[in-house]
Protein backbone atom coordinates (compact mmCIF):
# COMPACT_ATOMS: atom_id res chain seq x y z
CA MET A 1 15.49 -83.64 9.08
CA SER A 2 12.85 -80.92 9.20
CA LYS A 3 15.39 -78.39 10.57
CA SER A 4 17.86 -79.28 7.84
CA LYS A 5 15.25 -78.76 5.09
CA ASP A 6 14.32 -75.29 6.46
CA THR A 7 17.92 -74.00 6.40
CA PRO A 8 18.01 -73.07 2.71
CA TYR A 9 14.72 -71.20 3.07
CA TYR A 10 15.96 -69.15 5.97
CA ILE A 11 19.26 -68.52 4.21
CA GLY A 12 17.41 -67.19 0.95
CA LEU A 13 15.03 -65.06 3.09
CA GLY A 14 18.11 -63.51 4.86
CA ILE A 15 19.73 -62.67 1.56
CA ILE A 16 16.54 -61.07 0.37
CA VAL A 17 16.30 -58.98 3.55
CA ILE A 18 19.91 -57.82 3.22
CA ILE A 19 19.48 -56.78 -0.43
CA PHE A 20 16.29 -54.95 0.36
CA GLY A 21 18.00 -53.18 3.43
CA TYR A 22 20.92 -52.14 1.18
CA PHE A 23 18.69 -50.54 -1.44
CA ALA A 24 16.58 -48.78 1.26
CA VAL A 25 19.65 -47.35 3.02
CA THR A 26 21.04 -46.17 -0.28
CA ASN A 27 17.80 -44.24 -1.14
CA VAL A 28 17.64 -42.70 2.39
CA VAL A 29 21.13 -41.45 2.02
CA HIS A 30 20.45 -40.07 -1.53
CA TYR A 31 17.44 -38.06 -0.30
CA ILE A 32 19.27 -36.76 2.78
CA ASN A 33 22.11 -35.45 0.54
CA LYS A 34 19.61 -34.08 -1.97
CA ASP A 35 17.94 -32.10 0.85
CA LYS A 36 21.28 -30.76 1.93
CA VAL A 37 21.95 -29.51 -1.64
CA VAL A 38 18.60 -27.81 -1.64
CA ASP A 39 19.14 -26.24 1.74
CA SER A 40 22.50 -25.05 0.58
CA ASN A 41 21.12 -23.44 -2.52
CA ARG A 42 18.30 -21.68 -0.51
CA SER A 43 21.05 -20.35 1.88
CA GLU A 44 22.96 -18.91 -1.07
CA ASP A 45 19.80 -17.26 -2.31
CA ARG A 46 19.40 -15.61 1.14
CA ALA A 47 23.04 -14.39 1.20
CA PRO A 48 23.86 -10.74 0.51
CA VAL A 49 24.69 -10.05 -3.19
CA ALA A 50 28.49 -9.98 -3.57
CA ASP A 51 30.33 -7.79 -6.04
CA LYS A 52 30.79 -10.63 -8.45
CA PHE A 53 27.01 -10.77 -8.73
CA LEU A 54 26.68 -7.23 -9.83
CA LYS A 55 26.96 -7.08 -13.54
CA LYS A 56 29.05 -4.51 -15.22
CA PHE A 57 27.21 -2.54 -17.87
CA ASN A 58 28.52 0.51 -19.92
CA ALA A 59 30.74 3.18 -18.72
CA VAL A 60 28.98 6.50 -17.95
CA PRO A 61 29.61 8.81 -20.89
CA ASP A 62 31.49 12.18 -20.34
CA PHE A 63 29.26 14.84 -18.80
CA GLU A 64 29.60 18.29 -17.42
CA LEU A 65 26.84 19.73 -15.09
CA VAL A 66 26.57 22.50 -12.50
CA ASP A 67 24.84 21.70 -9.15
CA GLN A 68 22.76 23.71 -6.71
CA ASN A 69 25.81 25.34 -5.14
CA GLY A 70 27.37 26.31 -8.47
CA ASP A 71 29.95 23.56 -8.31
CA THR A 72 30.90 21.75 -11.67
CA ILE A 73 30.09 18.02 -11.60
CA THR A 74 31.93 15.89 -14.18
CA ASN A 75 33.10 12.20 -14.57
CA ASP A 76 36.39 13.33 -12.90
CA THR A 77 34.51 14.80 -9.94
CA MET A 78 32.71 11.51 -9.44
CA LYS A 79 35.75 9.24 -10.06
CA GLY A 80 36.50 7.02 -7.07
CA LYS A 81 32.90 7.45 -5.80
CA VAL A 82 30.01 5.08 -5.73
CA TYR A 83 26.89 7.07 -6.77
CA ILE A 84 23.25 6.97 -7.75
CA VAL A 85 22.00 8.76 -10.67
CA ASP A 86 18.34 9.81 -11.45
CA PHE A 87 16.66 12.13 -13.91
CA PHE A 88 13.90 14.58 -12.78
CA PHE A 89 12.69 18.18 -12.99
CA THR A 90 11.47 20.33 -10.14
CA SER A 91 8.02 21.31 -11.54
CA CYS A 92 7.10 17.72 -12.22
CA PRO A 93 3.62 16.97 -10.83
CA THR A 94 3.82 13.24 -10.70
CA ILE A 95 6.78 10.87 -9.85
CA CYS A 96 9.70 13.25 -9.13
CA THR A 97 8.76 14.10 -5.56
CA PRO A 98 8.18 10.61 -4.46
CA MET A 99 11.57 9.63 -6.20
CA SER A 100 13.38 12.38 -4.23
CA HIS A 101 11.77 11.30 -1.03
CA ASN A 102 13.04 7.76 -1.75
CA LEU A 103 16.44 9.05 -2.40
CA LYS A 104 16.46 10.97 0.84
CA THR A 105 15.96 7.60 2.49
CA VAL A 106 18.97 6.11 0.62
CA GLN A 107 21.00 9.25 1.53
CA ASN A 108 20.21 8.90 5.19
CA LYS A 109 21.15 5.15 5.06
CA LEU A 110 24.57 5.65 3.40
CA LYS A 111 25.50 9.26 4.51
CA ASP A 112 28.29 8.12 6.88
CA HIS A 113 30.35 6.74 3.94
CA PRO A 114 32.43 9.60 2.48
CA ASP A 115 32.64 7.99 -0.95
CA PHE A 116 28.86 7.78 -1.48
CA LYS A 117 27.13 10.39 -3.62
CA ILE A 118 23.78 11.09 -5.32
CA LEU A 119 23.47 12.93 -8.59
CA SER A 120 19.92 14.13 -9.60
CA VAL A 121 20.03 15.64 -13.03
CA SER A 122 17.43 18.10 -14.28
CA ILE A 123 15.76 17.44 -17.78
CA ASP A 124 14.36 21.01 -17.61
CA PRO A 125 17.39 23.14 -17.26
CA ASP A 126 15.71 26.21 -18.75
CA TYR A 127 13.43 26.33 -15.73
CA ASP A 128 15.52 24.63 -13.05
CA THR A 129 18.04 27.36 -12.39
CA GLN A 130 20.71 27.15 -9.74
CA SER A 131 18.38 28.80 -7.09
CA ILE A 132 15.40 26.73 -7.89
CA LEU A 133 17.54 23.53 -7.61
CA LYS A 134 18.89 24.86 -4.26
CA ASN A 135 15.40 25.38 -2.99
CA TYR A 136 14.34 21.94 -4.17
CA ALA A 137 17.49 20.42 -2.45
CA ASP A 138 16.67 22.16 0.82
CA ARG A 139 13.05 20.89 0.75
CA HIS A 140 14.39 17.33 0.57
CA ASP A 141 17.03 17.78 3.25
CA ALA A 142 19.87 17.19 0.82
CA ILE A 143 23.26 16.99 2.38
CA ASP A 144 25.69 19.51 0.77
CA GLY A 145 28.52 17.66 -0.98
CA LEU A 146 26.73 14.40 -0.94
CA TRP A 147 23.51 14.93 -3.02
CA HIS A 148 23.94 17.02 -6.16
CA PHE A 149 20.89 18.41 -7.97
CA ALA A 150 22.45 19.51 -11.21
CA ARG A 151 21.66 20.99 -14.58
CA GLY A 152 23.56 21.27 -17.94
CA ASP A 153 22.88 21.64 -21.64
CA LYS A 154 19.32 20.22 -22.38
CA ALA A 155 20.31 18.27 -25.62
CA ALA A 156 23.44 16.83 -23.97
CA THR A 157 21.26 15.88 -20.87
CA PHE A 158 18.71 14.09 -23.02
CA GLN A 159 21.62 12.24 -24.79
CA LEU A 160 23.17 11.27 -21.47
CA ALA A 161 19.87 9.90 -20.16
CA ARG A 162 19.02 7.90 -23.35
CA GLU A 163 22.50 6.66 -24.45
CA GLY A 164 24.33 6.54 -21.14
CA PHE A 165 21.60 5.19 -18.85
CA SER A 166 18.98 3.76 -21.31
CA ALA A 167 16.55 6.08 -19.47
CA TYR A 168 13.33 7.31 -21.12
CA VAL A 169 13.16 11.14 -21.37
CA GLY A 170 11.06 13.20 -23.70
CA GLU A 171 8.74 16.18 -24.20
CA SER A 172 5.31 15.50 -23.08
CA LYS A 173 2.24 15.92 -25.27
CA ASP A 174 0.27 16.71 -22.20
CA SER A 175 -0.11 20.39 -21.75
CA LEU A 176 -0.01 20.01 -17.90
CA ILE A 177 3.18 18.04 -17.88
CA LYS A 178 6.25 19.41 -19.70
CA PHE A 179 8.37 16.22 -19.79
CA GLU A 180 8.01 12.46 -19.48
CA HIS A 181 10.69 10.28 -17.95
CA SER A 182 11.28 6.90 -16.36
CA GLY A 183 11.31 6.65 -12.59
CA ASN A 184 14.48 4.56 -12.15
CA PHE A 185 17.71 4.84 -10.30
CA ALA A 186 21.17 3.82 -11.76
CA LEU A 187 24.09 2.65 -9.53
CA VAL A 188 27.66 3.59 -10.70
CA ASP A 189 30.88 2.13 -9.30
CA ARG A 190 34.15 3.68 -8.46
CA GLU A 191 35.39 3.15 -11.97
CA GLY A 192 32.35 4.94 -13.59
CA ILE A 193 30.73 1.66 -14.69
CA ILE A 194 27.01 1.12 -14.33
CA ARG A 195 26.24 -1.90 -12.03
CA SER A 196 23.21 -3.92 -11.12
CA ARG A 197 21.94 -7.19 -9.97
CA LYS A 198 19.42 -9.71 -11.37
CA ASP A 199 15.70 -9.43 -10.71
CA PRO A 200 13.71 -12.01 -8.93
CA TYR A 201 13.16 -13.91 -12.13
CA GLY A 202 16.92 -14.10 -12.97
CA ASN A 203 17.04 -11.46 -15.58
CA TRP A 204 19.70 -8.72 -15.43
CA MET A 205 18.35 -5.32 -14.74
CA MET A 206 20.28 -2.33 -15.52
CA VAL A 207 18.46 0.01 -13.25
CA TYR A 208 16.45 -0.18 -10.04
CA SER A 209 12.90 1.06 -9.66
CA GLY A 210 12.92 4.32 -7.91
CA VAL A 211 9.17 4.77 -7.21
CA GLU A 212 6.13 2.57 -6.99
CA GLU A 213 4.88 2.41 -10.61
CA ASN A 214 2.52 -0.11 -12.28
CA GLY A 215 2.40 -2.17 -9.09
CA ILE A 216 6.19 -2.44 -8.82
CA GLU A 217 7.61 -1.43 -5.44
CA PRO A 218 10.67 0.81 -5.36
CA GLN A 219 13.84 -1.28 -5.01
CA LEU A 220 15.45 0.93 -2.21
CA LYS A 221 16.56 -2.09 -0.12
CA GLU A 222 18.28 -3.60 -3.08
CA ILE A 223 20.18 -0.51 -4.25
CA ILE A 224 21.23 0.42 -0.72
CA GLU A 225 22.58 -3.15 -0.27
CA ASP A 226 24.34 -3.09 -3.62
CA ALA A 227 25.84 0.39 -3.04
CA GLN A 228 27.23 -0.87 0.34
CA THR A 229 28.78 -3.81 -1.47
CA LEU A 230 30.53 -1.53 -3.88
CA LEU A 231 31.59 0.97 -1.19
CA ASN A 232 33.06 -1.85 0.88
CA LYS A 233 34.98 -3.30 -2.03
């Protein structure tokens, strides 16, 4: 009789154990799957930036410049090329030399690709004559035909910088420095469109930091990686 009375108790206990086990297993599976999703997202974050993750900004406005070798450089000249643009002047006592040094690093990383170019545009064309640009190019080991140090009409150059590349350029109020300008690099694709990625905070950035400034490191690794993406497209 005792055995018979205990049977419902053990049956009830067994049902409780089964129900508890079901929910426990379900929760374990849920958290395992959740971890897989997180790991997958982290892997995507570590993956190289694909072309579709490089935003298209505006097209580069028409320009006409003359480089250190006397060659005319225009939109048509650069058509079909992937190139980096910066604005500088040879007598700059502050950020220009570090910018050019960093561009030399970029040049040497991408020099084996025939469709890669660099265009450094002087904002002081009255002083930066062809011969001065040539000397500056030689000092930075610029490869002829790859890295163009160019000059053009001053007003047109300022307009190109401000309206085409959203770059800050202007006359300086400091008697020791003739001009002020931002230390950024812009990346242009084969169709003449400015391209860029998101910053670490998820915001689109139109340009890349070209020099250490205000605690921000130059984004050389990023612009090299993104230029390679466009070159391999």
